Amino acid sequence: MDRVVGVDVSKGQLDGHDLGQGRRLSVSNDAAGIGRLVAWVNPGALVVMEASGGYERLAHRRLRARGLAVAIVNAKRVRDFARASGRLAKTDRVDAEVIARYGAFARPAATPAPDPAGRELAELLAFRQRLVSEITARQQQLSHLETPTLRQRAQADLARLRRDKAEIETLLRRAIARAPGLARRFALLTSMPGVGPILAATLLALLPELGTLDRRQIASLVGVAPIAKDSGLKRGQRVIAEGRSGVRRVLYMAALSASRGSSRFADFYRRLVARGKPPKLALVATMRKMLVTLNAIARAHQPWSLQHAAWTPSHNGC
């Protein structure tokens, strides 16, 4: 239980806490510092660190390369655990200990290390998302501009951003085609109706656990599992929270598009709405159904077929 090491991650520093032995370590968040951390962690320990905007990636890869189990966990869950434990103080050393104690309590599954092709895919997707955000902002700005010269500038910016986005999407396709393993999984995922290249690429890059977990675990990991809010005789509305927001955002758009079409997922969505389910909750249930179906496809290494829809359990609520 105590073979857990918590690592607090920041841009320039890593603070470690060995829960079993009470040891502490503070090193720089670079190759040299991570080398010291790798040597410091006992073999067989579970290393737990929070997702920290990408600053955890190098340490994650180096620790995994040494055969250590490393779990990257949601920072909000650690903060909630700290509050529930009465640990309100916040310093790097305290954070590392809290992360370690959370790891001992929750025993999170190890997070797979992405291969080089997966890392390239993740960077391309992140760059594309920034372009999408800029395009949206320019479109909104253009709708309010009246000065001809400014409108021309905004329109030129939009044209350039759209060209950049198209070029990045070409690079995404090439990156997938160059990696046989990614290409095979990409073909499996896109065989399912409603799954386009961006959703498939996002799953490959940001959800390497797809196909290795059961349906409840994968739904919880992404953040589309319903969370009960019941107390006594009161039955609250189920909600979703936390999880992989980058995956959830793209999955939402795919489910929204699918709900307007003529697939089994559209039929599922419409049945829920017809039974009185609010459209937003029906859409979340559709997201979850799509995700667990994709999880089954990835696990079986077989493309979409009518049988896959039968494997996926029906969800009657959110």
C-alpha atoms as a PDB file:
ATOM      1  CA  MET A   1       0.000   0.000   0.000  1.00  0.00           C
ATOM      2  CA  ASP A   2       2.793   2.414   0.863  1.00  0.00           C
ATOM      3  CA  ARG A   3       4.951   1.813  -2.217  1.00  0.00           C
ATOM      4  CA  VAL A   4       3.607   5.016  -3.694  1.00  0.00           C
ATOM      5  CA  VAL A   5       5.525   8.105  -4.742  1.00  0.00           C
ATOM      6  CA  GLY A   6       3.740  11.391  -5.312  1.00  0.00           C
ATOM      7  CA  VAL A   7       5.333  13.911  -7.657  1.00  0.00           C
ATOM      8  CA  ASP A   8       4.241  17.543  -7.736  1.00  0.00           C
ATOM      9  CA  VAL A   9       4.968  18.965 -11.194  1.00  0.00           C
ATOM     10  CA  SER A  10       5.622  22.544 -12.189  1.00  0.00           C
ATOM     11  CA  LYS A  11       7.303  24.096 -15.214  1.00  0.00           C
ATOM     12  CA  GLY A  12      10.752  24.205 -13.632  1.00  0.00           C
ATOM     13  CA  GLN A  13      10.639  21.764 -10.724  1.00  0.00           C
ATOM     14  CA  LEU A  14       9.608  18.275  -9.620  1.00  0.00           C
ATOM     15  CA  ASP A  15       8.970  17.538  -5.930  1.00  0.00           C
ATOM     16  CA  GLY A  16       8.723  13.906  -4.897  1.00  0.00           C
ATOM     17  CA  HIS A  17       7.414  12.263  -1.739  1.00  0.00           C
ATOM     18  CA  ASP A  18       7.990   8.562  -1.020  1.00  0.00           C
ATOM     19  CA  LEU A  19       5.009   7.648   1.143  1.00  0.00           C
ATOM     20  CA  GLY A  20       6.434   4.414   2.551  1.00  0.00           C
ATOM     21  CA  GLN A  21       9.838   5.730   3.575  1.00  0.00           C
ATOM     22  CA  GLY A  22       9.003   9.387   4.142  1.00  0.00           C
ATOM     23  CA  ARG A  23      11.775  10.462   1.752  1.00  0.00           C
ATOM     24  CA  ARG A  24      11.604  13.702  -0.218  1.00  0.00           C
ATOM     25  CA  LEU A  25      13.332  14.910  -3.349  1.00  0.00           C
ATOM     26  CA  SER A  26      13.289  18.184  -5.244  1.00  0.00           C
ATOM     27  CA  VAL A  27      14.859  18.333  -8.705  1.00  0.00           C
ATOM     28  CA  SER A  28      14.704  20.479 -11.817  1.00  0.00           C
ATOM     29  CA  ASN A  29      12.120  19.522 -14.436  1.00  0.00           C
ATOM     30  CA  ASP A  30      14.628  18.771 -17.164  1.00  0.00           C
ATOM     31  CA  ALA A  31      16.583  15.766 -18.409  1.00  0.00           C
ATOM     32  CA  ALA A  32      19.192  15.964 -15.638  1.00  0.00           C
ATOM     33  CA  GLY A  33      16.663  16.402 -12.833  1.00  0.00           C
ATOM     34  CA  ILE A  34      14.404  13.666 -14.158  1.00  0.00           C
ATOM     35  CA  GLY A  35      17.436  11.367 -14.311  1.00  0.00           C
ATOM     36  CA  ARG A  36      17.899  11.912 -10.566  1.00  0.00           C
ATOM     37  CA  LEU A  37      14.206  11.255  -9.960  1.00  0.00           C
ATOM     38  CA  VAL A  38      14.335   8.003 -11.927  1.00  0.00           C
ATOM     39  CA  ALA A  39      17.288   6.786  -9.848  1.00  0.00           C
ATOM     40  CA  TRP A  40      15.573   7.869  -6.607  1.00  0.00           C
ATOM     41  CA  VAL A  41      12.286   6.003  -7.114  1.00  0.00           C
ATOM     42  CA  ASN A  42      12.324   2.441  -5.811  1.00  0.00           C
ATOM     43  CA  PRO A  43      11.551  -0.313  -8.346  1.00  0.00           C
ATOM     44  CA  GLY A  44       7.993  -1.536  -8.030  1.00  0.00           C
ATOM     45  CA  ALA A  45       6.638   1.771  -6.716  1.00  0.00           C
ATOM     46  CA  LEU A  46       3.564   3.423  -8.187  1.00  0.00           C
ATOM     47  CA  VAL A  47       4.412   6.984  -9.202  1.00  0.00           C
ATOM     48  CA  VAL A  48       1.463   9.384  -9.183  1.00  0.00           C
ATOM     49  CA  MET A  49       1.499  12.866 -10.700  1.00  0.00           C
ATOM     50  CA  GLU A  50      -1.138  15.359 -11.727  1.00  0.00           C
ATOM     51  CA  ALA A  51      -1.822  16.395 -15.291  1.00  0.00           C
ATOM     52  CA  SER A  52      -0.004  19.741 -15.441  1.00  0.00           C
ATOM     53  CA  GLY A  53      -0.494  21.197 -18.879  1.00  0.00           C
ATOM     54  CA  GLY A  54       2.124  18.965 -20.471  1.00  0.00           C
ATOM     55  CA  TYR A  55       4.935  19.705 -18.004  1.00  0.00           C
ATOM     56  CA  GLU A  56       4.587  16.127 -16.737  1.00  0.00           C
ATOM     57  CA  ARG A  57       5.164  14.462 -20.114  1.00  0.00           C
ATOM     58  CA  LEU A  58       8.951  14.132 -20.127  1.00  0.00           C
ATOM     59  CA  ALA A  59       9.050  12.713 -16.581  1.00  0.00           C
ATOM     60  CA  HIS A  60       6.240  10.345 -17.474  1.00  0.00           C
ATOM     61  CA  ARG A  61       8.108   9.016 -20.511  1.00  0.00           C
ATOM     62  CA  ARG A  62      11.441   8.630 -18.694  1.00  0.00           C
ATOM     63  CA  LEU A  63       9.901   6.864 -15.690  1.00  0.00           C
ATOM     64  CA  ARG A  64       7.888   4.538 -17.927  1.00  0.00           C
ATOM     65  CA  ALA A  65      11.010   3.755 -19.943  1.00  0.00           C
ATOM     66  CA  ARG A  66      12.568   2.428 -16.727  1.00  0.00           C
ATOM     67  CA  GLY A  67       9.627   0.075 -16.272  1.00  0.00           C
ATOM     68  CA  LEU A  68       7.939   2.057 -13.499  1.00  0.00           C
ATOM     69  CA  ALA A  69       4.170   2.331 -13.194  1.00  0.00           C
ATOM     70  CA  VAL A  70       3.176   5.989 -13.553  1.00  0.00           C
ATOM     71  CA  ALA A  71      -0.387   7.269 -13.175  1.00  0.00           C
ATOM     72  CA  ILE A  72      -1.292  10.758 -14.378  1.00  0.00           C
ATOM     73  CA  VAL A  73      -4.375  11.808 -12.415  1.00  0.00           C
ATOM     74  CA  ASN A  74      -6.910  14.614 -12.551  1.00  0.00           C
ATOM     75  CA  ALA A  75      -5.787  17.541 -10.379  1.00  0.00           C
ATOM     76  CA  LYS A  76      -9.335  18.271  -9.192  1.00  0.00           C
ATOM     77  CA  ARG A  77      -9.652  14.803  -7.700  1.00  0.00           C
ATOM     78  CA  VAL A  78      -6.437  15.330  -5.746  1.00  0.00           C
ATOM     79  CA  ARG A  79      -7.646  18.723  -4.501  1.00  0.00           C
ATOM     80  CA  ASP A  80     -10.992  17.235  -3.443  1.00  0.00           C
ATOM     81  CA  PHE A  81      -9.138  14.459  -1.618  1.00  0.00           C
ATOM     82  CA  ALA A  82      -6.940  17.048   0.124  1.00  0.00           C
ATOM     83  CA  ARG A  83      -9.970  19.030   1.308  1.00  0.00           C
ATOM     84  CA  ALA A  84     -11.712  15.871   2.512  1.00  0.00           C
ATOM     85  CA  SER A  85      -8.544  14.967   4.437  1.00  0.00           C
ATOM     86  CA  GLY A  86      -8.353  18.418   6.056  1.00  0.00           C
ATOM     87  CA  ARG A  87      -5.099  19.273   4.295  1.00  0.00           C
ATOM     88  CA  LEU A  88      -5.630  22.897   3.348  1.00  0.00           C
ATOM     89  CA  ALA A  89      -1.995  24.050   3.281  1.00  0.00           C
ATOM     90  CA  LYS A  90      -0.478  24.265  -0.188  1.00  0.00           C
ATOM     91  CA  THR A  91       3.242  24.071  -0.869  1.00  0.00           C
ATOM     92  CA  ASP A  92       5.150  21.961  -3.364  1.00  0.00           C
ATOM     93  CA  ARG A  93       6.287  19.566  -0.618  1.00  0.00           C
ATOM     94  CA  VAL A  94       2.801  19.270   0.875  1.00  0.00           C
ATOM     95  CA  ASP A  95       1.303  18.772  -2.582  1.00  0.00           C
ATOM     96  CA  ALA A  96       3.692  15.889  -3.306  1.00  0.00           C
ATOM     97  CA  GLU A  97       2.666  14.153  -0.071  1.00  0.00           C
ATOM     98  CA  VAL A  98      -1.043  14.711  -0.760  1.00  0.00           C
ATOM     99  CA  ILE A  99      -0.631  13.273  -4.263  1.00  0.00           C
ATOM    100  CA  ALA A 100       1.119  10.228  -2.782  1.00  0.00           C
ATOM    101  CA  ARG A 101      -1.655   9.717  -0.229  1.00  0.00           C
ATOM    102  CA  TYR A 102      -4.271  10.076  -2.933  1.00  0.00           C
ATOM    103  CA  GLY A 103      -2.424   7.437  -4.960  1.00  0.00           C
ATOM    104  CA  ALA A 104      -2.375   5.044  -2.003  1.00  0.00           C
ATOM    105  CA  PHE A 105      -6.109   5.611  -1.491  1.00  0.00           C
ATOM    106  CA  ALA A 106      -7.337   5.515  -5.103  1.00  0.00           C
ATOM    107  CA  ARG A 107      -4.732   3.187  -6.653  1.00  0.00           C
ATOM    108  CA  PRO A 108      -5.141   4.733 -10.127  1.00  0.00           C
ATOM    109  CA  ALA A 109      -4.224   2.650 -13.147  1.00  0.00           C
ATOM    110  CA  ALA A 110      -0.913   3.370 -14.821  1.00  0.00           C
ATOM    111  CA  THR A 111      -1.104   5.750 -17.773  1.00  0.00           C
ATOM    112  CA  PRO A 112       0.462   4.314 -20.948  1.00  0.00           C
ATOM    113  CA  ALA A 113       3.327   6.307 -22.404  1.00  0.00           C
ATOM    114  CA  PRO A 114       2.557   7.483 -25.947  1.00  0.00           C
ATOM    115  CA  ASP A 115       4.963   6.398 -28.648  1.00  0.00           C
ATOM    116  CA  PRO A 116       6.719   9.038 -30.795  1.00  0.00           C
ATOM    117  CA  ALA A 117       3.983   8.845 -33.430  1.00  0.00           C
ATOM    118  CA  GLY A 118       1.331   9.378 -30.774  1.00  0.00           C
ATOM    119  CA  ARG A 119       3.196  12.393 -29.371  1.00  0.00           C
ATOM    120  CA  GLU A 120       3.433  13.926 -32.839  1.00  0.00           C
ATOM    121  CA  LEU A 121      -0.275  13.346 -33.299  1.00  0.00           C
ATOM    122  CA  ALA A 122      -1.050  15.043 -29.967  1.00  0.00           C
ATOM    123  CA  GLU A 123       1.033  18.100 -30.900  1.00  0.00           C
ATOM    124  CA  LEU A 124      -0.640  18.406 -34.300  1.00  0.00           C
ATOM    125  CA  LEU A 125      -4.082  18.140 -32.710  1.00  0.00           C
ATOM    126  CA  ALA A 126      -3.231  20.775 -30.106  1.00  0.00           C
ATOM    127  CA  PHE A 127      -1.982  23.107 -32.852  1.00  0.00           C
ATOM    128  CA  ARG A 128      -5.125  22.481 -34.896  1.00  0.00           C
ATOM    129  CA  GLN A 129      -7.326  23.242 -31.878  1.00  0.00           C
ATOM    130  CA  ARG A 130      -5.593  26.600 -31.414  1.00  0.00           C
ATOM    131  CA  LEU A 131      -6.263  27.391 -35.072  1.00  0.00           C
ATOM    132  CA  VAL A 132      -9.932  26.434 -34.653  1.00  0.00           C
ATOM    133  CA  SER A 133     -10.177  28.776 -31.657  1.00  0.00           C
ATOM    134  CA  GLU A 134      -8.557  31.606 -33.630  1.00  0.00           C
ATOM    135  CA  ILE A 135     -10.904  31.024 -36.578  1.00  0.00           C
ATOM    136  CA  THR A 136     -13.915  31.208 -34.256  1.00  0.00           C
ATOM    137  CA  ALA A 137     -12.618  34.418 -32.681  1.00  0.00           C
ATOM    138  CA  ARG A 138     -11.981  36.019 -36.089  1.00  0.00           C
ATOM    139  CA  GLN A 139     -15.442  35.055 -37.316  1.00  0.00           C
ATOM    140  CA  GLN A 140     -17.030  36.646 -34.261  1.00  0.00           C
ATOM    141  CA  GLN A 141     -14.896  39.753 -34.698  1.00  0.00           C
ATOM    142  CA  LEU A 142     -15.798  39.993 -38.372  1.00  0.00           C
ATOM    143  CA  SER A 143     -19.514  39.921 -37.587  1.00  0.00           C
ATOM    144  CA  HIS A 144     -19.137  43.177 -35.607  1.00  0.00           C
ATOM    145  CA  LEU A 145     -16.763  45.083 -37.887  1.00  0.00           C
ATOM    146  CA  GLU A 146     -18.125  47.824 -40.123  1.00  0.00           C
ATOM    147  CA  THR A 147     -14.937  49.564 -41.285  1.00  0.00           C
ATOM    148  CA  PRO A 148     -14.119  48.192 -44.782  1.00  0.00           C
ATOM    149  CA  THR A 149     -10.355  48.167 -44.235  1.00  0.00           C
ATOM    150  CA  LEU A 150     -10.679  46.225 -40.990  1.00  0.00           C
ATOM    151  CA  ARG A 151     -13.123  43.782 -42.553  1.00  0.00           C
ATOM    152  CA  GLN A 152     -10.638  43.102 -45.339  1.00  0.00           C
ATOM    153  CA  ARG A 153      -7.892  42.440 -42.785  1.00  0.00           C
ATOM    154  CA  ALA A 154     -10.104  40.100 -40.786  1.00  0.00           C
ATOM    155  CA  GLN A 155     -11.158  38.245 -43.933  1.00  0.00           C
ATOM    156  CA  ALA A 156      -7.512  37.860 -44.979  1.00  0.00           C
ATOM    157  CA  ASP A 157      -6.662  36.517 -41.517  1.00  0.00           C
ATOM    158  CA  LEU A 158      -9.535  34.043 -41.745  1.00  0.00           C
ATOM    159  CA  ALA A 159      -8.387  32.801 -45.141  1.00  0.00           C
ATOM    160  CA  ARG A 160      -4.844  32.301 -43.831  1.00  0.00           C
ATOM    161  CA  LEU A 161      -6.036  30.485 -40.698  1.00  0.00           C
ATOM    162  CA  ARG A 162      -8.235  28.176 -42.753  1.00  0.00           C
ATOM    163  CA  ARG A 163      -5.299  27.356 -45.059  1.00  0.00           C
ATOM    164  CA  ASP A 164      -3.144  26.618 -42.002  1.00  0.00           C
ATOM    165  CA  LYS A 165      -5.859  24.364 -40.588  1.00  0.00           C
ATOM    166  CA  ALA A 166      -6.121  22.436 -43.860  1.00  0.00           C
ATOM    167  CA  GLU A 167      -2.329  22.002 -43.936  1.00  0.00           C
ATOM    168  CA  ILE A 168      -2.269  20.702 -40.353  1.00  0.00           C
ATOM    169  CA  GLU A 169      -5.016  18.206 -41.203  1.00  0.00           C
ATOM    170  CA  THR A 170      -2.900  17.002 -44.134  1.00  0.00           C
ATOM    171  CA  LEU A 171       0.043  16.545 -41.767  1.00  0.00           C
ATOM    172  CA  LEU A 172      -2.241  14.585 -39.413  1.00  0.00           C
ATOM    173  CA  ARG A 173      -3.185  12.168 -42.183  1.00  0.00           C
ATOM    174  CA  ARG A 174       0.447  11.738 -43.180  1.00  0.00           C
ATOM    175  CA  ALA A 175       1.565  11.137 -39.586  1.00  0.00           C
ATOM    176  CA  ILE A 176      -1.024   8.389 -39.212  1.00  0.00           C
ATOM    177  CA  ALA A 177      -0.150   6.810 -42.566  1.00  0.00           C
ATOM    178  CA  ARG A 178       3.568   6.687 -41.622  1.00  0.00           C
ATOM    179  CA  ALA A 179       2.892   4.623 -38.478  1.00  0.00           C
ATOM    180  CA  PRO A 180       1.451   1.178 -39.362  1.00  0.00           C
ATOM    181  CA  GLY A 181       0.100   0.605 -35.842  1.00  0.00           C
ATOM    182  CA  LEU A 182      -1.703   3.948 -35.780  1.00  0.00           C
ATOM    183  CA  ALA A 183      -2.972   3.437 -39.318  1.00  0.00           C
ATOM    184  CA  ARG A 184      -4.526   0.076 -38.400  1.00  0.00           C
ATOM    185  CA  ARG A 185      -6.267   1.475 -35.309  1.00  0.00           C
ATOM    186  CA  PHE A 186      -7.342   4.564 -37.248  1.00  0.00           C
ATOM    187  CA  ALA A 187      -8.994   2.347 -39.873  1.00  0.00           C
ATOM    188  CA  LEU A 188     -10.788   0.370 -37.155  1.00  0.00           C
ATOM    189  CA  LEU A 189     -12.143   3.465 -35.428  1.00  0.00           C
ATOM    190  CA  THR A 190     -13.228   5.275 -38.588  1.00  0.00           C
ATOM    191  CA  SER A 191     -15.107   2.153 -39.721  1.00  0.00           C
ATOM    192  CA  MET A 192     -17.825   3.127 -37.220  1.00  0.00           C
ATOM    193  CA  PRO A 193     -20.535   5.512 -38.497  1.00  0.00           C
ATOM    194  CA  GLY A 194     -20.154   8.995 -37.068  1.00  0.00           C
ATOM    195  CA  VAL A 195     -16.405   8.721 -36.436  1.00  0.00           C
ATOM    196  CA  GLY A 196     -14.436  11.129 -38.574  1.00  0.00           C
ATOM    197  CA  PRO A 197     -10.660  11.551 -38.854  1.00  0.00           C
ATOM    198  CA  ILE A 198     -10.393  14.183 -36.092  1.00  0.00           C
ATOM    199  CA  LEU A 199     -12.239  12.091 -33.494  1.00  0.00           C
ATOM    200  CA  ALA A 200     -10.244   8.983 -34.433  1.00  0.00           C
ATOM    201  CA  ALA A 201      -6.944  10.890 -34.278  1.00  0.00           C
ATOM    202  CA  THR A 202      -7.929  12.420 -30.928  1.00  0.00           C
ATOM    203  CA  LEU A 203      -8.680   8.992 -29.466  1.00  0.00           C
ATOM    204  CA  LEU A 204      -5.366   7.621 -30.734  1.00  0.00           C
ATOM    205  CA  ALA A 205      -3.376  10.529 -29.309  1.00  0.00           C
ATOM    206  CA  LEU A 206      -5.200  11.385 -26.079  1.00  0.00           C
ATOM    207  CA  LEU A 207      -6.815   8.099 -25.068  1.00  0.00           C
ATOM    208  CA  PRO A 208      -4.191   5.332 -25.417  1.00  0.00           C
ATOM    209  CA  GLU A 209      -6.173   3.300 -22.860  1.00  0.00           C
ATOM    210  CA  LEU A 210      -8.953   2.733 -25.426  1.00  0.00           C
ATOM    211  CA  GLY A 211      -9.516  -1.011 -25.761  1.00  0.00           C
ATOM    212  CA  THR A 212      -7.667  -1.895 -22.549  1.00  0.00           C
ATOM    213  CA  LEU A 213     -10.367  -0.926 -20.014  1.00  0.00           C
ATOM    214  CA  ASP A 214     -13.940  -2.061 -19.465  1.00  0.00           C
ATOM    215  CA  ARG A 215     -16.868   0.142 -20.474  1.00  0.00           C
ATOM    216  CA  ARG A 216     -17.336   1.711 -17.044  1.00  0.00           C
ATOM    217  CA  GLN A 217     -13.642   2.499 -16.657  1.00  0.00           C
ATOM    218  CA  ILE A 218     -13.310   4.079 -20.098  1.00  0.00           C
ATOM    219  CA  ALA A 219     -16.455   6.183 -19.569  1.00  0.00           C
ATOM    220  CA  SER A 220     -15.155   7.382 -16.206  1.00  0.00           C
ATOM    221  CA  LEU A 221     -11.710   8.140 -17.620  1.00  0.00           C
ATOM    222  CA  VAL A 222     -13.137  10.376 -20.345  1.00  0.00           C
ATOM    223  CA  GLY A 223     -15.689  11.932 -17.998  1.00  0.00           C
ATOM    224  CA  VAL A 224     -18.959  10.732 -19.547  1.00  0.00           C
ATOM    225  CA  ALA A 225     -19.956   8.385 -16.719  1.00  0.00           C
ATOM    226  CA  PRO A 226     -23.037   9.553 -14.782  1.00  0.00           C
ATOM    227  CA  ILE A 227     -22.367  10.700 -11.214  1.00  0.00           C
ATOM    228  CA  ALA A 228     -25.225  10.238  -8.753  1.00  0.00           C
ATOM    229  CA  LYS A 229     -26.426  13.181  -6.657  1.00  0.00           C
ATOM    230  CA  ASP A 230     -28.827  11.397  -4.306  1.00  0.00           C
ATOM    231  CA  SER A 231     -29.466  12.059  -0.633  1.00  0.00           C
ATOM    232  CA  GLY A 232     -32.087  10.263   1.431  1.00  0.00           C
ATOM    233  CA  LEU A 233     -35.316  10.240  -0.572  1.00  0.00           C
ATOM    234  CA  LYS A 234     -34.068  12.959  -2.909  1.00  0.00           C
ATOM    235  CA  ARG A 235     -32.918  11.849  -6.352  1.00  0.00           C
ATOM    236  CA  GLY A 236     -30.800  14.462  -8.060  1.00  0.00           C
ATOM    237  CA  GLN A 237     -30.035  14.776 -11.743  1.00  0.00           C
ATOM    238  CA  ARG A 238     -27.041  12.687 -12.826  1.00  0.00           C
ATOM    239  CA  VAL A 239     -24.089  14.773 -13.993  1.00  0.00           C
ATOM    240  CA  ILE A 240     -20.739  14.219 -15.665  1.00  0.00           C
ATOM    241  CA  ALA A 241     -17.467  15.757 -14.541  1.00  0.00           C
ATOM    242  CA  GLU A 242     -13.680  15.761 -14.835  1.00  0.00           C
ATOM    243  CA  GLY A 243     -12.032  13.299 -17.217  1.00  0.00           C
ATOM    244  CA  ARG A 244     -10.229  13.977 -20.487  1.00  0.00           C
ATOM    245  CA  SER A 245     -11.747  17.261 -21.613  1.00  0.00           C
ATOM    246  CA  GLY A 246      -9.902  17.215 -24.946  1.00  0.00           C
ATOM    247  CA  VAL A 247     -11.461  13.855 -25.828  1.00  0.00           C
ATOM    248  CA  ARG A 248     -14.856  14.842 -24.474  1.00  0.00           C
ATOM    249  CA  ARG A 249     -14.986  18.041 -26.552  1.00  0.00           C
ATOM    250  CA  VAL A 250     -14.414  16.210 -29.848  1.00  0.00           C
ATOM    251  CA  LEU A 251     -16.682  13.320 -28.838  1.00  0.00           C
ATOM    252  CA  TYR A 252     -19.456  15.820 -28.083  1.00  0.00           C
ATOM    253  CA  MET A 253     -19.276  17.282 -31.596  1.00  0.00           C
ATOM    254  CA  ALA A 254     -19.311  13.786 -33.113  1.00  0.00           C
ATOM    255  CA  ALA A 255     -22.334  12.758 -31.034  1.00  0.00           C
ATOM    256  CA  LEU A 256     -24.142  15.992 -31.906  1.00  0.00           C
ATOM    257  CA  SER A 257     -23.597  15.325 -35.602  1.00  0.00           C
ATOM    258  CA  ALA A 258     -24.574  11.646 -35.238  1.00  0.00           C
ATOM    259  CA  SER A 259     -27.790  12.559 -33.400  1.00  0.00           C
ATOM    260  CA  ARG A 260     -28.974  14.461 -36.464  1.00  0.00           C
ATOM    261  CA  GLY A 261     -28.285  11.626 -38.894  1.00  0.00           C
ATOM    262  CA  SER A 262     -29.732   8.181 -39.581  1.00  0.00           C
ATOM    263  CA  SER A 263     -27.435   5.796 -37.698  1.00  0.00           C
ATOM    264  CA  ARG A 264     -28.116   3.524 -34.732  1.00  0.00           C
ATOM    265  CA  PHE A 265     -26.756   6.302 -32.538  1.00  0.00           C
ATOM    266  CA  ALA A 266     -29.311   8.741 -33.935  1.00  0.00           C
ATOM    267  CA  ASP A 267     -32.051   6.186 -33.241  1.00  0.00           C
ATOM    268  CA  PHE A 268     -30.730   5.733 -29.694  1.00  0.00           C
ATOM    269  CA  TYR A 269     -30.720   9.497 -29.098  1.00  0.00           C
ATOM    270  CA  ARG A 270     -34.242   9.928 -30.435  1.00  0.00           C
ATOM    271  CA  ARG A 271     -35.591   7.057 -28.326  1.00  0.00           C
ATOM    272  CA  LEU A 272     -34.243   8.698 -25.184  1.00  0.00           C
ATOM    273  CA  VAL A 273     -35.757  12.076 -26.095  1.00  0.00           C
ATOM    274  CA  ALA A 274     -39.078  10.410 -26.958  1.00  0.00           C
ATOM    275  CA  ARG A 275     -39.120   8.841 -23.477  1.00  0.00           C
ATOM    276  CA  GLY A 276     -38.783  12.290 -21.919  1.00  0.00           C
ATOM    277  CA  LYS A 277     -35.012  12.513 -21.448  1.00  0.00           C
ATOM    278  CA  PRO A 278     -33.759  16.128 -21.774  1.00  0.00           C
ATOM    279  CA  PRO A 279     -31.886  16.526 -25.080  1.00  0.00           C
ATOM    280  CA  LYS A 280     -28.619  17.457 -23.363  1.00  0.00           C
ATOM    281  CA  LEU A 281     -28.674  14.330 -21.198  1.00  0.00           C
ATOM    282  CA  ALA A 282     -29.658  12.202 -24.185  1.00  0.00           C
ATOM    283  CA  LEU A 283     -26.686  13.613 -26.058  1.00  0.00           C
ATOM    284  CA  VAL A 284     -24.315  12.704 -23.197  1.00  0.00           C
ATOM    285  CA  ALA A 285     -25.737   9.174 -23.199  1.00  0.00           C
ATOM    286  CA  THR A 286     -25.077   9.044 -26.947  1.00  0.00           C
ATOM    287  CA  MET A 287     -21.486  10.170 -26.352  1.00  0.00           C
ATOM    288  CA  ARG A 288     -21.080   7.369 -23.834  1.00  0.00           C
ATOM    289  CA  LYS A 289     -22.627   4.779 -26.166  1.00  0.00           C
ATOM    290  CA  MET A 290     -20.304   5.820 -28.993  1.00  0.00           C
ATOM    291  CA  LEU A 291     -17.280   5.680 -26.691  1.00  0.00           C
ATOM    292  CA  VAL A 292     -17.966   2.231 -25.254  1.00  0.00           C
ATOM    293  CA  THR A 293     -18.685   0.900 -28.750  1.00  0.00           C
ATOM    294  CA  LEU A 294     -15.334   2.265 -29.945  1.00  0.00           C
ATOM    295  CA  ASN A 295     -13.725   0.702 -26.874  1.00  0.00           C
ATOM    296  CA  ALA A 296     -15.207  -2.676 -27.874  1.00  0.00           C
ATOM    297  CA  ILE A 297     -13.959  -2.253 -31.445  1.00  0.00           C
ATOM    298  CA  ALA A 298     -10.432  -1.415 -30.240  1.00  0.00           C
ATOM    299  CA  ARG A 299     -10.435  -4.344 -27.806  1.00  0.00           C
ATOM    300  CA  ALA A 300     -11.646  -6.880 -30.395  1.00  0.00           C
ATOM    301  CA  HIS A 301      -9.421  -5.491 -33.193  1.00  0.00           C
ATOM    302  CA  GLN A 302     -12.400  -5.821 -35.532  1.00  0.00           C
ATOM    303  CA  PRO A 303     -14.043  -3.081 -37.616  1.00  0.00           C
ATOM    304  CA  TRP A 304     -17.558  -1.840 -37.068  1.00  0.00           C
ATOM    305  CA  SER A 305     -20.384  -4.216 -37.862  1.00  0.00           C
ATOM    306  CA  LEU A 306     -23.980  -4.527 -36.790  1.00  0.00           C
ATOM    307  CA  GLN A 307     -22.823  -6.974 -34.123  1.00  0.00           C
ATOM    308  CA  HIS A 308     -20.770  -4.254 -32.413  1.00  0.00           C
ATOM    309  CA  ALA A 309     -23.894  -2.272 -31.694  1.00  0.00           C
ATOM    310  CA  ALA A 310     -25.295  -5.322 -29.920  1.00  0.00           C
ATOM    311  CA  TRP A 311     -22.164  -5.561 -27.738  1.00  0.00           C
ATOM    312  CA  THR A 312     -22.751  -2.060 -26.436  1.00  0.00           C
ATOM    313  CA  PRO A 313     -25.119  -2.002 -23.463  1.00  0.00           C
ATOM    314  CA  SER A 314     -28.091   0.329 -23.712  1.00  0.00           C
ATOM    315  CA  HIS A 315     -27.878   3.366 -21.452  1.00  0.00           C
ATOM    316  CA  ASN A 316     -31.213   4.605 -20.258  1.00  0.00           C
ATOM    317  CA  GLY A 317     -30.006   7.726 -18.543  1.00  0.00           C
ATOM    318  CA  CYS A 318     -27.136  10.007 -17.642  1.00  0.00           C
END
